[in-house]
C-alpha cells in the first residue's frame, strides 16, 4: 500500500455532532463532500437537515447546499450539465443543473423519490456508467438499481 502524509486543507464542520460522509471529485477535479450527524453521537436519532454539501477548490471551501440530513452519493452526467445528489434520510435523489466551468449548481428538483418505497431502503452511493445510466445503492436493502 502507498501511504502519504495528509495535510489539513480546511475545516468545514465546527459542530462535533456532524461528520463528513460521502465525497467525490467533479469532472474538473474539485472535491465535493457533505456532512451528516455522527452516528456515535446521535442518541435520539437522526435530526433532519443539520448537514451541508461543500466543494473544495484551490484551498477554499464553498457551501453548495444546506438543510441536508445524510449527505451521500454524488454523480455528474457525461455531458457535464447535470449533477445528481443523494440525501438519504428523506430517501431522495436530487438533480441539479451543473456548470462545469464554475462548479455552480442550480434548479434543484427531485429526480427519484423513494420515500414511499420501503423495499429499497435508503438511497446511498450512486454512480453514472459509460452509457449515462444512474446506478443507486440501497442501504438496508442489499440492492443496486439503475
Protein backbone atom coordinates (compact mmCIF):
# COMPACT_ATOMS: atom_id res chain seq x y z
CA UNK A 1 0.00 0.00 0.00
CA UNK A 2 1.09 3.55 -0.72
CA UNK A 3 0.85 5.94 2.18
CA UNK A 4 1.44 9.65 2.00
CA UNK A 5 1.32 12.30 4.71
CA UNK A 6 -2.05 14.06 5.00
CA UNK A 7 -2.48 17.79 5.22
CA UNK A 8 -5.48 19.57 6.68
CA UNK A 9 -6.71 21.80 3.87
CA UNK A 10 -9.81 23.16 5.56
CA UNK A 11 -12.13 22.72 8.49
CA UNK A 12 -15.74 22.59 7.37
CA UNK A 13 -17.51 21.18 10.40
CA UNK A 14 -17.46 23.13 13.65
CA UNK A 15 -20.28 21.04 15.15
CA UNK A 16 -18.93 17.94 16.97
CA UNK A 17 -22.24 16.17 16.22
CA UNK A 18 -21.56 16.25 12.45
CA UNK A 19 -19.02 14.47 10.31
CA UNK A 20 -18.12 14.29 6.63
CA UNK A 21 -19.68 11.39 4.79
CA UNK A 22 -19.57 10.71 1.04
CA UNK A 23 -17.28 12.64 -1.28
CA UNK A 24 -16.20 12.63 -4.91
CA UNK A 25 -14.31 14.78 -7.40
CA UNK A 26 -16.28 16.52 -10.13
CA UNK A 27 -15.23 16.46 -13.82
CA UNK A 28 -12.90 19.44 -13.23
CA UNK A 29 -11.18 17.85 -10.20
CA UNK A 30 -12.92 19.83 -7.44
CA UNK A 31 -13.59 17.73 -4.34
CA UNK A 32 -17.22 17.67 -3.13
CA UNK A 33 -18.27 16.21 0.23
CA UNK A 34 -21.25 16.52 2.53
CA UNK A 35 -21.96 16.14 6.21
CA UNK A 36 -24.29 14.04 8.32
CA UNK A 37 -24.91 13.51 12.04
CA UNK A 38 -22.20 11.38 13.64
CA UNK A 39 -23.93 8.06 14.46
CA UNK A 40 -21.84 7.63 17.60
CA UNK A 41 -23.25 10.90 18.95
CA UNK A 42 -26.84 10.61 17.75
CA UNK A 43 -28.51 9.37 20.91
CA UNK A 44 -32.11 10.26 20.00
CA UNK A 45 -31.63 9.51 16.29
CA UNK A 46 -31.30 11.37 13.02
CA UNK A 47 -32.17 15.03 13.06
CA UNK A 48 -33.44 16.27 9.73
CA UNK A 49 -31.40 18.90 7.97
CA UNK A 50 -28.30 19.76 10.07
CA UNK A 51 -25.80 18.96 7.31
CA UNK A 52 -24.42 20.69 4.25
CA UNK A 53 -22.75 19.97 0.91
CA UNK A 54 -19.34 21.53 0.28
CA UNK A 55 -16.99 21.99 -2.65
CA UNK A 56 -13.23 22.24 -2.07
CA UNK A 57 -11.19 24.07 -4.68
CA UNK A 58 -7.84 25.84 -4.54
CA UNK A 59 -7.71 25.62 -0.72
CA UNK A 60 -11.11 27.27 -0.36
CA UNK A 61 -14.40 25.75 0.74
CA UNK A 62 -17.75 26.76 -0.70
CA UNK A 63 -21.08 25.73 0.79
CA UNK A 64 -23.21 24.46 -2.09
CA UNK A 65 -26.31 23.25 -0.23
CA UNK A 66 -27.67 23.34 3.33
CA UNK A 67 -30.51 21.54 5.11
CA UNK A 68 -29.06 18.10 4.35
CA UNK A 69 -29.85 15.15 6.64
CA UNK A 70 -27.47 12.39 5.46
CA UNK A 71 -25.23 13.52 2.63
CA UNK A 72 -24.46 10.65 0.29
CA UNK A 73 -23.96 9.80 -3.39
CA UNK A 74 -22.72 12.33 -5.93
CA UNK A 75 -22.52 11.90 -9.72
CA UNK A 76 -22.18 14.05 -12.83
CA UNK A 77 -23.54 13.29 -16.29
CA UNK A 78 -21.17 12.64 -19.15
CA UNK A 79 -22.10 15.93 -20.82
CA UNK A 80 -21.29 17.73 -17.52
CA UNK A 81 -24.66 19.50 -17.50
CA UNK A 82 -26.33 17.73 -14.56
CA UNK A 83 -25.34 16.79 -11.03
CA UNK A 84 -27.12 14.06 -9.03
CA UNK A 85 -27.02 14.13 -5.23
CA UNK A 86 -28.47 11.84 -2.56
CA UNK A 87 -29.91 12.93 0.78
CA UNK A 88 -30.56 9.52 2.32
CA UNK A 89 -32.82 10.34 5.25
CA UNK A 90 -35.70 11.81 3.20
CA UNK A 91 -34.96 8.99 0.70
CA UNK A 92 -34.47 11.29 -2.28
CA UNK A 93 -32.12 11.63 -5.21
CA UNK A 94 -31.95 15.21 -6.44
CA UNK A 95 -30.76 16.52 -9.78
CA UNK A 96 -29.33 19.99 -10.37
CA UNK A 97 -28.27 21.94 -13.41
CA UNK A 98 -24.46 21.97 -13.27
CA UNK A 99 -21.96 24.49 -14.65
CA UNK A 100 -18.68 22.62 -15.16
CA UNK A 101 -16.69 25.83 -15.57
CA UNK A 102 -17.67 27.41 -12.25
CA UNK A 103 -18.86 24.36 -10.29
CA UNK A 104 -22.20 26.09 -9.83
CA UNK A 105 -25.36 24.10 -9.15
CA UNK A 106 -28.90 25.40 -9.56
CA UNK A 107 -32.52 24.43 -10.20
CA UNK A 108 -32.70 21.56 -7.67
CA UNK A 109 -35.50 19.09 -8.26
CA UNK A 110 -36.35 15.57 -7.13
CA UNK A 111 -35.13 13.01 -9.66
CA UNK A 112 -36.19 9.91 -7.70
CA UNK A 113 -38.30 9.73 -4.55
CA UNK A 114 -38.03 6.52 -2.51
CA UNK A 115 -39.96 7.91 0.48
CA UNK A 116 -42.92 5.60 -0.19
CA UNK A 117 -40.89 2.56 -1.32
CA UNK A 118 -39.71 0.81 1.83
CA UNK A 119 -38.43 -2.21 -0.13
CA UNK A 120 -35.48 -0.24 -1.50
CA UNK A 121 -34.25 1.11 1.82
CA UNK A 122 -32.46 4.44 1.69
CA UNK A 123 -30.62 5.61 -1.43
CA UNK A 124 -26.91 5.67 -0.64
CA UNK A 125 -23.98 5.73 -3.05
CA UNK A 126 -24.50 6.50 -6.73
CA UNK A 127 -22.50 6.49 -9.93
CA UNK A 128 -23.11 7.04 -13.62
CA UNK A 129 -21.82 4.46 -16.11
CA UNK A 130 -20.39 4.94 -19.61
CA UNK A 131 -23.93 4.91 -21.07
CA UNK A 132 -25.04 7.71 -18.69
CA UNK A 133 -27.20 5.36 -16.60
CA UNK A 134 -27.54 6.28 -12.94
CA UNK A 135 -26.81 3.39 -10.54
CA UNK A 136 -28.06 3.68 -6.96
CA UNK A 137 -27.11 1.52 -3.97
CA UNK A 138 -29.86 0.89 -1.45
CA UNK A 139 -28.79 0.99 2.19
CA UNK A 140 -30.52 -1.76 4.23
CA UNK A 141 -31.96 -3.42 1.09
CA UNK A 142 -28.85 -5.05 -0.42
CA UNK A 143 -29.91 -3.78 -3.84
CA UNK A 144 -28.36 -1.71 -6.57
CA UNK A 145 -30.61 -0.38 -9.31
CA UNK A 146 -30.40 1.84 -12.36
